Amino acid sequence: MSTIVLTVTEFSRGLSDFLNQVQYQGQTLDIQRGKRVVARVLPAAAPGGFPLDRLDDLLLKGPQISGSERQSMAKDVGALRSNLLTRDDPWAS
């Protein structure tokens, strides 16, 4: 699917309709101010992705893992968390 390019004014005037296109049709929108794209609106979850709010349920119903596998997984999750916490905040001034 191609990307729709809109001005900020067009986007604000048709916000609800454009968000419906994103949600129900998987459309991507590029929002321009002047000649520069300043924002991109795209579907929140990729088709076929796994929703993180169901992770606990998956882990409870999934295969049982050994103690060493749990420790290894905990170490991996800890590394991921520390990586997320040390990233620069893109919104910081």
Protein backbone atom coordinates (compact mmCIF):
# COMPACT_ATOMS: atom_id res chain seq x y z
CA MET A 1 0.00 0.00 0.00
CA SER A 2 1.29 3.42 -0.89
CA THR A 3 1.82 6.24 1.57
CA ILE A 4 -0.60 9.16 1.55
CA VAL A 5 1.09 12.57 1.86
CA LEU A 6 -0.99 15.25 3.58
CA THR A 7 -0.44 18.77 4.78
CA VAL A 8 -0.94 19.44 8.48
CA THR A 9 -4.13 21.35 7.62
CA GLU A 10 -5.55 18.48 5.53
CA PHE A 11 -4.73 16.00 8.28
CA SER A 12 -6.33 18.10 11.03
CA ARG A 13 -9.50 18.70 9.01
CA GLY A 14 -9.96 15.01 8.20
CA LEU A 15 -8.41 13.49 11.33
CA SER A 16 -11.12 10.92 12.07
CA ASP A 17 -11.35 9.72 8.46
CA PHE A 18 -7.58 9.48 8.12
CA LEU A 19 -7.21 7.56 11.38
CA ASN A 20 -9.88 5.13 10.17
CA GLN A 21 -7.81 4.54 7.03
CA VAL A 22 -4.78 3.81 9.20
CA GLN A 23 -6.66 1.51 11.58
CA TYR A 24 -8.87 -0.43 9.18
CA GLN A 25 -6.94 -0.34 5.91
CA GLY A 26 -3.38 -0.38 7.26
CA GLN A 27 -2.63 2.89 5.47
CA THR A 28 0.49 4.96 6.26
CA LEU A 29 0.25 8.75 6.31
CA ASP A 30 3.08 11.26 5.93
CA ILE A 31 2.25 14.67 7.38
CA GLN A 32 3.99 17.65 5.78
CA ARG A 33 4.63 21.13 7.07
CA GLY A 34 5.75 23.19 4.11
CA LYS A 35 7.78 20.83 1.93
CA ARG A 36 9.11 18.75 4.84
CA VAL A 37 7.56 15.57 6.25
CA VAL A 38 7.33 16.18 10.01
CA ALA A 39 5.37 13.10 11.12
CA ARG A 40 4.34 9.63 10.01
CA VAL A 41 1.16 7.90 11.15
CA LEU A 42 1.05 4.13 10.75
CA PRO A 43 -0.86 1.21 12.25
CA ALA A 44 0.03 0.52 15.88
CA ALA A 45 0.61 -3.22 15.44
CA ALA A 46 2.04 -4.99 12.44
CA PRO A 47 -0.24 -7.72 11.03
CA GLY A 48 0.67 -11.05 12.56
CA GLY A 49 2.50 -9.46 15.47
CA PHE A 50 2.10 -10.68 19.04
CA PRO A 51 0.37 -8.31 21.49
CA LEU A 52 2.57 -7.78 24.52
CA ASP A 53 -0.42 -7.57 26.85
CA ARG A 54 -0.88 -11.32 26.24
CA LEU A 55 2.71 -12.24 27.12
CA ASP A 56 1.89 -13.31 30.69
CA ASP A 57 -0.82 -15.65 29.42
CA LEU A 58 1.54 -17.13 26.84
CA LEU A 59 4.23 -17.75 29.43
CA LEU A 60 1.74 -19.38 31.83
CA LYS A 61 0.32 -21.71 29.16
CA GLY A 62 3.55 -22.27 27.24
CA PRO A 63 6.04 -25.08 27.68
CA GLN A 64 7.70 -25.42 31.08
CA ILE A 65 11.37 -24.45 31.12
CA SER A 66 14.16 -25.59 33.37
CA GLY A 67 15.78 -23.52 36.12
CA SER A 68 18.84 -22.79 34.00
CA GLU A 69 16.64 -21.72 31.08
CA ARG A 70 14.71 -19.39 33.41
CA GLN A 71 17.97 -17.86 34.64
CA SER A 72 19.18 -17.39 31.08
CA MET A 73 15.87 -15.80 30.09
CA ALA A 74 15.95 -13.49 33.14
CA LYS A 75 19.47 -12.41 32.18
CA ASP A 76 18.34 -11.67 28.61
CA VAL A 77 15.31 -9.69 29.80
CA GLY A 78 17.53 -7.75 32.21
CA ALA A 79 19.91 -6.88 29.38
CA LEU A 80 16.99 -5.68 27.23
CA ARG A 81 15.63 -3.55 30.06
CA SER A 82 18.97 -1.91 30.75
CA ASN A 83 19.37 -1.20 27.03
CA LEU A 84 15.97 0.51 26.96
CA LEU A 85 16.74 2.57 30.05
CA THR A 86 20.08 3.80 28.72
CA ARG A 87 18.78 4.96 25.35
CA ASP A 88 18.72 8.69 24.75
CA ASP A 89 15.27 10.23 25.02
CA PRO A 90 14.42 11.43 21.49
CA TRP A 91 11.98 13.96 22.94
CA ALA A 92 14.45 15.54 25.36
CA SER A 93 15.52 19.04 24.40
